[in-house]
Amino acid sequence: MRHVPFALLPLLALAVPAHATGGMSCRTAGDERIEIDLGMGRTIGGSIFQVSMRVDGREVPVRVAQSWLHDGQFLLMLSDPGGNRIEAVMATSVNGDTFDGSIRRGNRRHWIRCYES
């Protein structure tokens, strides 16, 4: 019986939880450079657990108000940390290895491309 715990060690090493996470990085091109980096779960019902947004190199504090990743589309709404003001709304569709679409910030609309990371 003394050797049973040692025999179970290899099985316990296999029983660690999987870290099913990934991310996405989105960038605009043009005069106003918007960059969004997301950390997200890759499980059923996975959610975005980290988000950052920079506009022309300046950090803009945001939180995810709503998001949707389904059937080749990725939609994202970002608000200020208090949830009082919408900072950006993004709508993209899968295009090969990327998600391409648009982002609206204020009264301006920009083309944006997202890469999985």
PDB file of N, CA and C in Angstrom:
ATOM      1  N   MET A   1       0.809  -1.210   0.000  1.00  0.00           N
ATOM      2  CA  MET A   1       0.000   0.000   0.000  1.00  0.00           C
ATOM      3  C   MET A   1       0.844   1.263   0.000  1.00  0.00           C
ATOM      4  N   ARG A   2       2.082   1.174   0.452  1.00  0.00           N
ATOM      5  CA  ARG A   2       2.920   2.371   0.499  1.00  0.00           C
ATOM      6  C   ARG A   2       3.228   2.910  -0.893  1.00  0.00           C
ATOM      7  N   HIS A   3       3.243   2.065  -1.889  1.00  0.00           N
ATOM      8  CA  HIS A   3       3.624   2.484  -3.234  1.00  0.00           C
ATOM      9  C   HIS A   3       2.458   3.012  -4.051  1.00  0.00           C
ATOM     10  N   VAL A   4       1.282   2.881  -3.556  1.00  0.00           N
ATOM     11  CA  VAL A   4       0.106   3.358  -4.292  1.00  0.00           C
ATOM     12  C   VAL A   4       0.153   4.867  -4.515  1.00  0.00           C
ATOM     13  N   PRO A   5       0.451   5.702  -3.513  1.00  0.00           N
ATOM     14  CA  PRO A   5       0.501   7.146  -3.769  1.00  0.00           C
ATOM     15  C   PRO A   5       1.519   7.520  -4.839  1.00  0.00           C
ATOM     16  N   PHE A   6       2.682   6.860  -4.851  1.00  0.00           N
ATOM     17  CA  PHE A   6       3.680   7.167  -5.876  1.00  0.00           C
ATOM     18  C   PHE A   6       3.204   6.744  -7.256  1.00  0.00           C
ATOM     19  N   ALA A   7       2.440   5.690  -7.318  1.00  0.00           N
ATOM     20  CA  ALA A   7       1.913   5.233  -8.600  1.00  0.00           C
ATOM     21  C   ALA A   7       0.867   6.210  -9.142  1.00  0.00           C
ATOM     22  N   LEU A   8       0.211   6.937  -8.243  1.00  0.00           N
ATOM     23  CA  LEU A   8      -0.814   7.888  -8.678  1.00  0.00           C
ATOM     24  C   LEU A   8      -0.248   9.243  -9.112  1.00  0.00           C
ATOM     25  N   LEU A   9       0.998   9.532  -8.785  1.00  0.00           N
ATOM     26  CA  LEU A   9       1.584  10.829  -9.131  1.00  0.00           C
ATOM     27  C   LEU A   9       1.522  11.150 -10.629  1.00  0.00           C
ATOM     28  N   PRO A  10       1.868  10.223 -11.517  1.00  0.00           N
ATOM     29  CA  PRO A  10       1.760  10.553 -12.947  1.00  0.00           C
ATOM     30  C   PRO A  10       0.318  10.870 -13.366  1.00  0.00           C
ATOM     31  N   LEU A  11      -0.634  10.179 -12.774  1.00  0.00           N
ATOM     32  CA  LEU A  11      -2.036  10.452 -13.109  1.00  0.00           C
ATOM     33  C   LEU A  11      -2.476  11.815 -12.580  1.00  0.00           C
ATOM     34  N   LEU A  12      -2.011  12.193 -11.406  1.00  0.00           N
ATOM     35  CA  LEU A  12      -2.352  13.502 -10.857  1.00  0.00           C
ATOM     36  C   LEU A  12      -1.743  14.625 -11.686  1.00  0.00           C
ATOM     37  N   ALA A  13      -0.577  14.398 -12.240  1.00  0.00           N
ATOM     38  CA  ALA A  13       0.052  15.415 -13.086  1.00  0.00           C
ATOM     39  C   ALA A  13      -0.775  15.659 -14.344  1.00  0.00           C
ATOM     40  N   LEU A  14      -1.449  14.632 -14.821  1.00  0.00           N
ATOM     41  CA  LEU A  14      -2.303  14.788 -16.001  1.00  0.00           C
ATOM     42  C   LEU A  14      -3.639  15.443 -15.674  1.00  0.00           C
ATOM     43  N   ALA A  15      -3.970  15.531 -14.424  1.00  0.00           N
ATOM     44  CA  ALA A  15      -5.283  16.033 -14.022  1.00  0.00           C
ATOM     45  C   ALA A  15      -5.305  17.542 -13.770  1.00  0.00           C
ATOM     46  N   VAL A  16      -4.256  18.263 -14.122  1.00  0.00           N
ATOM     47  CA  VAL A  16      -4.258  19.713 -13.911  1.00  0.00           C
ATOM     48  C   VAL A  16      -5.226  20.353 -14.885  1.00  0.00           C
ATOM     49  N   PRO A  17      -5.845  21.470 -14.518  1.00  0.00           N
ATOM     50  CA  PRO A  17      -6.803  22.097 -15.417  1.00  0.00           C
ATOM     51  C   PRO A  17      -6.112  22.687 -16.647  1.00  0.00           C
ATOM     52  N   ALA A  18      -6.789  22.628 -17.772  1.00  0.00           N
ATOM     53  CA  ALA A  18      -6.269  23.213 -19.009  1.00  0.00           C
ATOM     54  C   ALA A  18      -6.458  24.719 -18.964  1.00  0.00           C
ATOM     55  N   HIS A  19      -5.486  25.432 -19.429  1.00  0.00           N
ATOM     56  CA  HIS A  19      -5.594  26.881 -19.500  1.00  0.00           C
ATOM     57  C   HIS A  19      -6.023  27.241 -20.918  1.00  0.00           C
ATOM     58  N   ALA A  20      -7.306  27.130 -21.157  1.00  0.00           N
ATOM     59  CA  ALA A  20      -7.863  27.348 -22.485  1.00  0.00           C
ATOM     60  C   ALA A  20      -8.129  28.830 -22.681  1.00  0.00           C
ATOM     61  N   THR A  21      -7.063  29.572 -22.876  1.00  0.00           N
ATOM     62  CA  THR A  21      -7.193  31.007 -23.087  1.00  0.00           C
ATOM     63  C   THR A  21      -6.461  31.405 -24.346  1.00  0.00           C
ATOM     64  N   GLY A  22      -6.809  32.531 -24.848  1.00  0.00           N
ATOM     65  CA  GLY A  22      -6.161  33.074 -26.030  1.00  0.00           C
ATOM     66  C   GLY A  22      -6.361  34.571 -26.027  1.00  0.00           C
ATOM     67  N   GLY A  23      -6.270  35.137 -27.181  1.00  0.00           N
ATOM     68  CA  GLY A  23      -6.454  36.568 -27.250  1.00  0.00           C
ATOM     69  C   GLY A  23      -6.674  37.033 -28.663  1.00  0.00           C
ATOM     70  N   MET A  24      -6.867  38.328 -28.773  1.00  0.00           N
ATOM     71  CA  MET A  24      -7.066  38.951 -30.067  1.00  0.00           C
ATOM     72  C   MET A  24      -6.483  40.352 -29.998  1.00  0.00           C
ATOM     73  N   SER A  25      -5.820  40.761 -31.069  1.00  0.00           N
ATOM     74  CA  SER A  25      -5.274  42.108 -31.186  1.00  0.00           C
ATOM     75  C   SER A  25      -5.881  42.759 -32.417  1.00  0.00           C
ATOM     76  N   CYS A  26      -6.407  43.953 -32.239  1.00  0.00           N
ATOM     77  CA  CYS A  26      -7.085  44.665 -33.315  1.00  0.00           C
ATOM     78  C   CYS A  26      -6.403  46.011 -33.541  1.00  0.00           C
ATOM     79  N   ARG A  27      -6.268  46.400 -34.825  1.00  0.00           N
ATOM     80  CA  ARG A  27      -5.601  47.647 -35.173  1.00  0.00           C
ATOM     81  C   ARG A  27      -6.318  48.326 -36.332  1.00  0.00           C
ATOM     82  N   THR A  28      -6.339  49.650 -36.280  1.00  0.00           N
ATOM     83  CA  THR A  28      -6.823  50.431 -37.411  1.00  0.00           C
ATOM     84  C   THR A  28      -5.629  50.923 -38.208  1.00  0.00           C
ATOM     85  N   ALA A  29      -5.914  51.417 -39.382  1.00  0.00           N
ATOM     86  CA  ALA A  29      -4.902  52.084 -40.198  1.00  0.00           C
ATOM     87  C   ALA A  29      -5.457  53.475 -40.493  1.00  0.00           C
ATOM     88  N   GLY A  30      -4.594  54.420 -40.656  1.00  0.00           N
ATOM     89  CA  GLY A  30      -5.077  55.752 -40.984  1.00  0.00           C
ATOM     90  C   GLY A  30      -4.671  56.796 -39.972  1.00  0.00           C
ATOM     91  N   ASP A  31      -5.396  57.901 -39.989  1.00  0.00           N
ATOM     92  CA  ASP A  31      -4.996  59.058 -39.199  1.00  0.00           C
ATOM     93  C   ASP A  31      -5.187  58.883 -37.702  1.00  0.00           C
ATOM     94  N   GLU A  32      -6.227  58.206 -37.250  1.00  0.00           N
ATOM     95  CA  GLU A  32      -6.426  57.940 -35.821  1.00  0.00           C
ATOM     96  C   GLU A  32      -6.141  56.464 -35.573  1.00  0.00           C
ATOM     97  N   ARG A  33      -5.049  56.172 -34.903  1.00  0.00           N
ATOM     98  CA  ARG A  33      -4.636  54.780 -34.676  1.00  0.00           C
ATOM     99  C   ARG A  33      -5.308  54.249 -33.417  1.00  0.00           C
ATOM    100  N   ILE A  34      -6.177  53.261 -33.590  1.00  0.00           N
ATOM    101  CA  ILE A  34      -6.859  52.616 -32.470  1.00  0.00           C
ATOM    102  C   ILE A  34      -6.326  51.194 -32.358  1.00  0.00           C
ATOM    103  N   GLU A  35      -5.915  50.820 -31.147  1.00  0.00           N
ATOM    104  CA  GLU A  35      -5.407  49.481 -30.876  1.00  0.00           C
ATOM    105  C   GLU A  35      -6.194  48.890 -29.708  1.00  0.00           C
ATOM    106  N   ILE A  36      -6.693  47.680 -29.898  1.00  0.00           N
ATOM    107  CA  ILE A  36      -7.441  46.984 -28.855  1.00  0.00           C
ATOM    108  C   ILE A  36      -6.824  45.607 -28.673  1.00  0.00           C
ATOM    109  N   ASP A  37      -6.489  45.269 -27.436  1.00  0.00           N
ATOM    110  CA  ASP A  37      -5.960  43.948 -27.105  1.00  0.00           C
ATOM    111  C   ASP A  37      -6.919  43.275 -26.130  1.00  0.00           C
ATOM    112  N   LEU A  38      -7.246  42.018 -26.428  1.00  0.00           N
ATOM    113  CA  LEU A  38      -8.220  41.271 -25.636  1.00  0.00           C
ATOM    114  C   LEU A  38      -7.625  39.954 -25.164  1.00  0.00           C
ATOM    115  N   GLY A  39      -7.923  39.582 -23.930  1.00  0.00           N
ATOM    116  CA  GLY A  39      -7.650  38.246 -23.418  1.00  0.00           C
ATOM    117  C   GLY A  39      -8.991  37.557 -23.284  1.00  0.00           C
ATOM    118  N   MET A  40      -9.108  36.353 -23.840  1.00  0.00           N
ATOM    119  CA  MET A  40     -10.411  35.682 -23.837  1.00  0.00           C
ATOM    120  C   MET A  40     -10.286  34.192 -23.623  1.00  0.00           C
ATOM    121  N   GLY A  41     -11.328  33.625 -23.047  1.00  0.00           N
ATOM    122  CA  GLY A  41     -11.399  32.183 -22.860  1.00  0.00           C
ATOM    123  C   GLY A  41     -11.787  31.502 -24.149  1.00  0.00           C
ATOM    124  N   ARG A  42     -11.309  30.294 -24.322  1.00  0.00           N
ATOM    125  CA  ARG A  42     -11.635  29.528 -25.529  1.00  0.00           C
ATOM    126  C   ARG A  42     -12.443  28.294 -25.168  1.00  0.00           C
ATOM    127  N   THR A  43     -13.363  28.452 -24.273  1.00  0.00           N
ATOM    128  CA  THR A  43     -14.229  27.352 -23.873  1.00  0.00           C
ATOM    129  C   THR A  43     -15.666  27.731 -24.201  1.00  0.00           C
ATOM    130  N   ILE A  44     -16.564  26.790 -24.069  1.00  0.00           N
ATOM    131  CA  ILE A  44     -17.971  27.083 -24.300  1.00  0.00           C
ATOM    132  C   ILE A  44     -18.405  28.153 -23.314  1.00  0.00           C
ATOM    133  N   GLY A  45     -18.958  29.216 -23.814  1.00  0.00           N
ATOM    134  CA  GLY A  45     -19.362  30.327 -22.960  1.00  0.00           C
ATOM    135  C   GLY A  45     -18.185  31.171 -22.502  1.00  0.00           C
ATOM    136  N   GLY A  46     -17.039  31.002 -23.182  1.00  0.00           N
ATOM    137  CA  GLY A  46     -15.834  31.755 -22.818  1.00  0.00           C
ATOM    138  C   GLY A  46     -16.085  33.248 -22.883  1.00  0.00           C
ATOM    139  N   SER A  47     -15.408  33.970 -22.048  1.00  0.00           N
ATOM    140  CA  SER A  47     -15.650  35.400 -21.992  1.00  0.00           C
ATOM    141  C   SER A  47     -14.338  36.164 -22.098  1.00  0.00           C
ATOM    142  N   ILE A  48     -14.459  37.453 -22.307  1.00  0.00           N
ATOM    143  CA  ILE A  48     -13.298  38.334 -22.353  1.00  0.00           C
ATOM    144  C   ILE A  48     -12.952  38.702 -20.916  1.00  0.00           C
ATOM    145  N   PHE A  49     -11.733  38.389 -20.510  1.00  0.00           N
ATOM    146  CA  PHE A  49     -11.343  38.666 -19.122  1.00  0.00           C
ATOM    147  C   PHE A  49     -10.359  39.824 -19.011  1.00  0.00           C
ATOM    148  N   GLN A  50      -9.869  40.327 -20.131  1.00  0.00           N
ATOM    149  CA  GLN A  50      -8.932  41.450 -20.111  1.00  0.00           C
ATOM    150  C   GLN A  50      -9.115  42.252 -21.386  1.00  0.00           C
ATOM    151  N   VAL A  51      -9.120  43.569 -21.267  1.00  0.00           N
ATOM    152  CA  VAL A  51      -9.220  44.436 -22.442  1.00  0.00           C
ATOM    153  C   VAL A  51      -8.405  45.700 -22.214  1.00  0.00           C
ATOM    154  N   SER A  52      -7.731  46.140 -23.257  1.00  0.00           N
ATOM    155  CA  SER A  52      -7.057  47.438 -23.202  1.00  0.00           C
ATOM    156  C   SER A  52      -7.243  48.118 -24.554  1.00  0.00           C
ATOM    157  N   MET A  53      -7.344  49.448 -24.513  1.00  0.00           N
ATOM    158  CA  MET A  53      -7.508  50.226 -25.739  1.00  0.00           C
ATOM    159  C   MET A  53      -6.566  51.420 -25.692  1.00  0.00           C
ATOM    160  N   ARG A  54      -5.883  51.637 -26.804  1.00  0.00           N
ATOM    161  CA  ARG A  54      -5.022  52.804 -26.965  1.00  0.00           C
ATOM    162  C   ARG A  54      -5.467  53.558 -28.215  1.00  0.00           C
ATOM    163  N   VAL A  55      -5.496  54.865 -28.122  1.00  0.00           N
ATOM    164  CA  VAL A  55      -5.822  55.724 -29.257  1.00  0.00           C
ATOM    165  C   VAL A  55      -4.640  56.659 -29.447  1.00  0.00           C
ATOM    166  N   ASP A  56      -4.002  56.549 -30.611  1.00  0.00           N
ATOM    167  CA  ASP A  56      -2.795  57.326 -30.911  1.00  0.00           C
ATOM    168  C   ASP A  56      -1.748  57.187 -29.806  1.00  0.00           C
ATOM    169  N   GLY A  57      -1.584  55.955 -29.283  1.00  0.00           N
ATOM    170  CA  GLY A  57      -0.581  55.664 -28.272  1.00  0.00           C
ATOM    171  C   GLY A  57      -0.984  55.998 -26.845  1.00  0.00           C
ATOM    172  N   ARG A  58      -2.148  56.613 -26.653  1.00  0.00           N
ATOM    173  CA  ARG A  58      -2.612  56.995 -25.310  1.00  0.00           C
ATOM    174  C   ARG A  58      -3.603  55.945 -24.808  1.00  0.00           C
ATOM    175  N   GLU A  59      -3.355  55.452 -23.598  1.00  0.00           N
ATOM    176  CA  GLU A  59      -4.237  54.449 -22.982  1.00  0.00           C
ATOM    177  C   GLU A  59      -5.596  55.069 -22.670  1.00  0.00           C
ATOM    178  N   VAL A  60      -6.666  54.392 -23.098  1.00  0.00           N
ATOM    179  CA  VAL A  60      -8.034  54.825 -22.801  1.00  0.00           C
ATOM    180  C   VAL A  60      -8.653  53.756 -21.914  1.00  0.00           C
ATOM    181  N   PRO A  61      -9.015  54.080 -20.658  1.00  0.00           N
ATOM    182  CA  PRO A  61      -9.605  53.065 -19.777  1.00  0.00           C
ATOM    183  C   PRO A  61     -10.982  52.623 -20.283  1.00  0.00           C
ATOM    184  N   VAL A  62     -11.148  51.320 -20.459  1.00  0.00           N
ATOM    185  CA  VAL A  62     -12.401  50.768 -20.966  1.00  0.00           C
ATOM    186  C   VAL A  62     -12.735  49.472 -20.245  1.00  0.00           C
ATOM    187  N   ARG A  63     -13.980  49.065 -20.422  1.00  0.00           N
ATOM    188  CA  ARG A  63     -14.428  47.731 -19.995  1.00  0.00           C
ATOM    189  C   ARG A  63     -15.358  47.203 -21.080  1.00  0.00           C
ATOM    190  N   VAL A  64     -15.557  45.896 -21.106  1.00  0.00           N
ATOM    191  CA  VAL A  64     -16.434  45.290 -22.100  1.00  0.00           C
ATOM    192  C   VAL A  64     -17.873  45.470 -21.656  1.00  0.00           C
ATOM    193  N   ALA A  65     -18.654  46.176 -22.468  1.00  0.00           N
ATOM    194  CA  ALA A  65     -20.083  46.332 -22.188  1.00  0.00           C
ATOM    195  C   ALA A  65     -20.849  45.146 -22.770  1.00  0.00           C
ATOM    196  N   GLN A  66     -20.500  44.743 -24.001  1.00  0.00           N
ATOM    197  CA  GLN A  66     -21.101  43.577 -24.642  1.00  0.00           C
ATOM    198  C   GLN A  66     -20.105  43.008 -25.636  1.00  0.00           C
ATOM    199  N   SER A  67     -20.178  41.700 -25.860  1.00  0.00           N
ATOM    200  CA  SER A  67     -19.358  41.077 -26.900  1.00  0.00           C
ATOM    201  C   SER A  67     -20.098  39.861 -27.449  1.00  0.00           C
ATOM    202  N   TRP A  68     -19.748  39.511 -28.674  1.00  0.00           N
ATOM    203  CA  TRP A  68     -20.393  38.397 -29.339  1.00  0.00           C
ATOM    204  C   TRP A  68     -19.412  37.802 -30.330  1.00  0.00           C
ATOM    205  N   LEU A  69     -19.090  36.537 -30.202  1.00  0.00           N
ATOM    206  CA  LEU A  69     -18.237  35.813 -31.133  1.00  0.00           C
ATOM    207  C   LEU A  69     -18.993  34.567 -31.543  1.00  0.00           C
ATOM    208  N   HIS A  70     -19.522  34.594 -32.772  1.00  0.00           N
ATOM    209  CA  HIS A  70     -20.363  33.478 -33.205  1.00  0.00           C
ATOM    210  C   HIS A  70     -20.452  33.461 -34.728  1.00  0.00           C
ATOM    211  N   ASP A  71     -20.351  32.272 -35.275  1.00  0.00           N
ATOM    212  CA  ASP A  71     -20.616  32.035 -36.684  1.00  0.00           C
ATOM    213  C   ASP A  71     -19.843  32.994 -37.598  1.00  0.00           C
ATOM    214  N   GLY A  72     -18.570  33.186 -37.295  1.00  0.00           N
ATOM    215  CA  GLY A  72     -17.726  34.002 -38.150  1.00  0.00           C
ATOM    216  C   GLY A  72     -17.809  35.499 -37.918  1.00  0.00           C
ATOM    217  N   GLN A  73     -18.520  35.916 -36.896  1.00  0.00           N
ATOM    218  CA  GLN A  73     -18.613  37.342 -36.590  1.00  0.00           C
ATOM    219  C   GLN A  73     -18.101  37.599 -35.177  1.00  0.00           C
ATOM    220  N   PHE A  74     -17.443  38.758 -35.015  1.00  0.00           N
ATOM    221  CA  PHE A  74     -17.000  39.201 -33.702  1.00  0.00           C
ATOM    222  C   PHE A  74     -17.480  40.637 -33.523  1.00  0.00           C
ATOM    223  N   LEU A  75     -18.333  40.834 -32.530  1.00  0.00           N
ATOM    224  CA  LEU A  75     -18.895  42.147 -32.231  1.00  0.00           C
ATOM    225  C   LEU A  75     -18.469  42.525 -30.817  1.00  0.00           C
ATOM    226  N   LEU A  76     -18.135  43.804 -30.623  1.00  0.00           N
ATOM    227  CA  LEU A  76     -17.613  44.251 -29.335  1.00  0.00           C
ATOM    228  C   LEU A  76     -18.072  45.677 -29.065  1.00  0.00           C
ATOM    229  N   MET A  77     -18.573  45.900 -27.851  1.00  0.00           N
ATOM    230  CA  MET A  77     -18.932  47.250 -27.410  1.00  0.00           C
ATOM    231  C   MET A  77     -18.131  47.534 -26.148  1.00  0.00           C
ATOM    232  N   LEU A  78     -17.367  48.626 -26.178  1.00  0.00           N
ATOM    233  CA  LEU A  78     -16.557  49.037 -25.043  1.00  0.00           C
ATOM    234  C   LEU A  78     -17.121  50.312 -24.444  1.00  0.00           C
ATOM    235  N   SER A  79     -17.150  50.353 -23.119  1.00  0.00           N
ATOM    236  CA  SER A  79     -17.621  51.551 -22.424  1.00  0.00           C
ATOM    237  C   SER A  79     -16.515  52.059 -21.508  1.00  0.00           C
ATOM    238  N   ASP A  80     -16.748  53.223 -20.913  1.00  0.00           N
ATOM    239  CA  ASP A  80     -15.831  53.712 -19.884  1.00  0.00           C
ATOM    240  C   ASP A  80     -15.956  52.777 -18.677  1.00  0.00           C
ATOM    241  N   PRO A  81     -15.000  52.806 -17.750  1.00  0.00           N
ATOM    242  CA  PRO A  81     -15.040  51.863 -16.617  1.00  0.00           C
ATOM    243  C   PRO A  81     -16.319  51.928 -15.795  1.00  0.00           C
ATOM    244  N   GLY A  82     -16.968  53.069 -15.715  1.00  0.00           N
ATOM    245  CA  GLY A  82     -18.211  53.187 -14.960  1.00  0.00           C
ATOM    246  C   GLY A  82     -19.447  52.756 -15.727  1.00  0.00           C
ATOM    247  N   GLY A  83     -19.289  52.486 -17.020  1.00  0.00           N
ATOM    248  CA  GLY A  83     -20.423  52.069 -17.842  1.00  0.00           C
ATOM    249  C   GLY A  83     -21.360  53.202 -18.213  1.00  0.00           C
ATOM    250  N   ASN A  84     -20.894  54.442 -18.122  1.00  0.00           N
ATOM    251  CA  ASN A  84     -21.747  55.604 -18.407  1.00  0.00           C
ATOM    252  C   ASN A  84     -21.674  56.083 -19.845  1.00  0.00           C
ATOM    253  N   ARG A  85     -20.598  55.727 -20.563  1.00  0.00           N
ATOM    254  CA  ARG A  85     -20.388  56.265 -21.905  1.00  0.00           C
ATOM    255  C   ARG A  85     -19.824  55.160 -22.801  1.00  0.00           C
ATOM    256  N   ILE A  86     -20.345  55.023 -23.995  1.00  0.00           N
ATOM    257  CA  ILE A  86     -19.813  54.067 -24.967  1.00  0.00           C
ATOM    258  C   ILE A  86     -18.555  54.671 -25.586  1.00  0.00           C
ATOM    259  N   GLU A  87     -17.439  53.949 -25.494  1.00  0.00           N
ATOM    260  CA  GLU A  87     -16.169  54.410 -26.062  1.00  0.00           C
ATOM    261  C   GLU A  87     -15.981  53.951 -27.495  1.00  0.00           C
ATOM    262  N   ALA A  88     -16.429  52.714 -27.816  1.00  0.00           N
ATOM    263  CA  ALA A  88     -16.232  52.186 -29.164  1.00  0.00           C
ATOM    264  C   ALA A  88     -17.179  51.016 -29.406  1.00  0.00           C
ATOM    265  N   VAL A  89     -17.582  50.865 -30.673  1.00  0.00           N
ATOM    266  CA  VAL A  89     -18.394  49.730 -31.095  1.00  0.00           C
ATOM    267  C   VAL A  89     -17.719  49.140 -32.336  1.00  0.00           C
ATOM    268  N   MET A  90     -17.388  47.852 -32.264  1.00  0.00           N
ATOM    269  CA  MET A  90     -16.666  47.184 -33.343  1.00  0.00           C
ATOM    270  C   MET A  90     -17.499  46.032 -33.889  1.00  0.00           C
ATOM    271  N   ALA A  91     -17.505  45.885 -35.209  1.00  0.00           N
ATOM    272  CA  ALA A  91     -18.192  44.777 -35.876  1.00  0.00           C
ATOM    273  C   ALA A  91     -17.260  44.218 -36.937  1.00  0.00           C
ATOM    274  N   THR A  92     -16.886  42.945 -36.800  1.00  0.00           N
ATOM    275  CA  THR A  92     -15.975  42.314 -37.755  1.00  0.00           C
ATOM    276  C   THR A  92     -16.510  40.959 -38.173  1.00  0.00           C
ATOM    277  N   SER A  93     -16.002  40.482 -39.310  1.00  0.00           N
ATOM    278  CA  SER A  93     -16.330  39.149 -39.816  1.00  0.00           C
ATOM    279  C   SER A  93     -15.041  38.448 -40.189  1.00  0.00           C
ATOM    280  N   VAL A  94     -15.058  37.129 -40.119  1.00  0.00           N
ATOM    281  CA  VAL A  94     -13.870  36.355 -40.435  1.00  0.00           C
ATOM    282  C   VAL A  94     -13.510  36.548 -41.904  1.00  0.00           C
ATOM    283  N   ASN A  95     -12.192  36.688 -42.153  1.00  0.00           N
ATOM    284  CA  ASN A  95     -11.669  36.877 -43.500  1.00  0.00           C
ATOM    285  C   ASN A  95     -10.352  36.106 -43.579  1.00  0.00           C
ATOM    286  N   GLY A  96     -10.429  34.808 -43.786  1.00  0.00           N
ATOM    287  CA  GLY A  96      -9.231  33.973 -43.771  1.00  0.00           C
ATOM    288  C   GLY A  96      -8.717  33.819 -42.352  1.00  0.00           C
ATOM    289  N   ASP A  97      -7.508  34.303 -42.099  1.00  0.00           N
ATOM    290  CA  ASP A  97      -6.899  34.205 -40.766  1.00  0.00           C
ATOM    291  C   ASP A  97      -7.170  35.424 -39.899  1.00  0.00           C
ATOM    292  N   THR A  98      -7.920  36.387 -40.382  1.00  0.00           N
ATOM    293  CA  THR A  98      -8.180  37.618 -39.633  1.00  0.00           C
ATOM    294  C   THR A  98      -9.680  37.873 -39.519  1.00  0.00           C
ATOM    295  N   PHE A  99     -10.021  38.838 -38.686  1.00  0.00           N
ATOM    296  CA  PHE A  99     -11.373  39.376 -38.616  1.00  0.00           C
ATOM    297  C   PHE A  99     -11.278  40.813 -39.117  1.00  0.00           C
ATOM    298  N   ASP A 100     -11.993  41.154 -40.175  1.00  0.00           N
ATOM    299  CA  ASP A 100     -11.963  42.499 -40.743  1.00  0.00           C
ATOM    300  C   ASP A 100     -13.330  43.147 -40.591  1.00  0.00           C
ATOM    301  N   GLY A 101     -13.334  44.459 -40.379  1.00  0.00           N
ATOM    302  CA  GLY A 101     -14.604  45.160 -40.248  1.00  0.00           C
ATOM    303  C   GLY A 101     -14.398  46.623 -39.944  1.00  0.00           C
ATOM    304  N   SER A 102     -15.240  47.143 -39.071  1.00  0.00           N
ATOM    305  CA  SER A 102     -15.167  48.571 -38.752  1.00  0.00           C
ATOM    306  C   SER A 102     -15.323  48.783 -37.253  1.00  0.00           C
ATOM    307  N   ILE A 103     -14.843  49.940 -36.835  1.00  0.00           N
ATOM    308  CA  ILE A 103     -15.002  50.367 -35.452  1.00  0.00           C
ATOM    309  C   ILE A 103     -15.503  51.801 -35.475  1.00  0.00           C
ATOM    310  N   ARG A 104     -16.489  52.067 -34.650  1.00  0.00           N
ATOM    311  CA  ARG A 104     -17.025  53.422 -34.534  1.00  0.00           C
ATOM    312  C   ARG A 104     -16.635  53.966 -33.169  1.00  0.00           C
ATOM    313  N   ARG A 105     -15.999  55.125 -33.176  1.00  0.00           N
ATOM    314  CA  ARG A 105     -15.610  55.808 -31.944  1.00  0.00           C
ATOM    315  C   ARG A 105     -16.017  57.258 -32.096  1.00  0.00           C
ATOM    316  N   GLY A 106     -16.916  57.710 -31.239  1.00  0.00           N
ATOM    317  CA  GLY A 106     -17.469  59.059 -31.404  1.00  0.00           C
ATOM    318  C   GLY A 106     -18.276  59.103 -32.686  1.00  0.00           C
ATOM    319  N   ASN A 107     -18.041  60.100 -33.491  1.00  0.00           N
ATOM    320  CA  ASN A 107     -18.755  60.232 -34.774  1.00  0.00           C
ATOM    321  C   ASN A 107     -17.946  59.720 -35.943  1.00  0.00           C
ATOM    322  N   ARG A 108     -16.839  59.042 -35.667  1.00  0.00           N
ATOM    323  CA  ARG A 108     -15.963  58.572 -36.744  1.00  0.00           C
ATOM    324  C   ARG A 108     -15.983  57.054 -36.835  1.00  0.00           C
ATOM    325  N   ARG A 109     -15.897  56.585 -38.059  1.00  0.00           N
ATOM    326  CA  ARG A 109     -15.869  55.157 -38.330  1.00  0.00           C
ATOM    327  C   ARG A 109     -14.552  54.830 -39.028  1.00  0.00           C
ATOM    328  N   HIS A 110     -13.904  53.742 -38.596  1.00  0.00           N
ATOM    329  CA  HIS A 110     -12.603  53.343 -39.125  1.00  0.00           C
ATOM    330  C   HIS A 110     -12.639  51.869 -39.530  1.00  0.00           C
ATOM    331  N   TRP A 111     -11.826  51.515 -40.522  1.00  0.00           N
ATOM    332  CA  TRP A 111     -11.601  50.115 -40.858  1.00  0.00           C
ATOM    333  C   TRP A 111     -10.685  49.525 -39.788  1.00  0.00           C
ATOM    334  N   ILE A 112     -10.914  48.244 -39.420  1.00  0.00           N
ATOM    335  CA  ILE A 112     -10.090  47.596 -38.389  1.00  0.00           C
ATOM    336  C   ILE A 112      -9.862  46.132 -38.766  1.00  0.00           C
ATOM    337  N   ARG A 113      -8.702  45.618 -38.382  1.00  0.00           N
ATOM    338  CA  ARG A 113      -8.366  44.201 -38.597  1.00  0.00           C
ATOM    339  C   ARG A 113      -7.930  43.607 -37.264  1.00  0.00           C
ATOM    340  N   CYS A 114      -8.425  42.394 -36.972  1.00  0.00           N
ATOM    341  CA  CYS A 114      -8.099  41.693 -35.735  1.00  0.00           C
ATOM    342  C   CYS A 114      -7.400  40.377 -36.056  1.00  0.00           C
ATOM    343  N   TYR A 115      -6.358  40.090 -35.286  1.00  0.00           N
ATOM    344  CA  TYR A 115      -5.606  38.850 -35.384  1.00  0.00           C
ATOM    345  C   TYR A 115      -5.761  38.076 -34.085  1.00  0.00           C
ATOM    346  N   GLU A 116      -5.951  36.761 -34.205  1.00  0.00           N
ATOM    347  CA  GLU A 116      -5.958  35.927 -32.996  1.00  0.00           C
ATOM    348  C   GLU A 116      -4.524  35.775 -32.510  1.00  0.00           C
ATOM    349  N   SER A 117      -4.369  35.783 -31.195  1.00  0.00           N
ATOM    350  CA  SER A 117      -3.019  35.625 -30.644  1.00  0.00           C
ATOM    351  C   SER A 117      -3.022  34.579 -29.545  1.00  0.00           C
TER     352      SER A 117
END
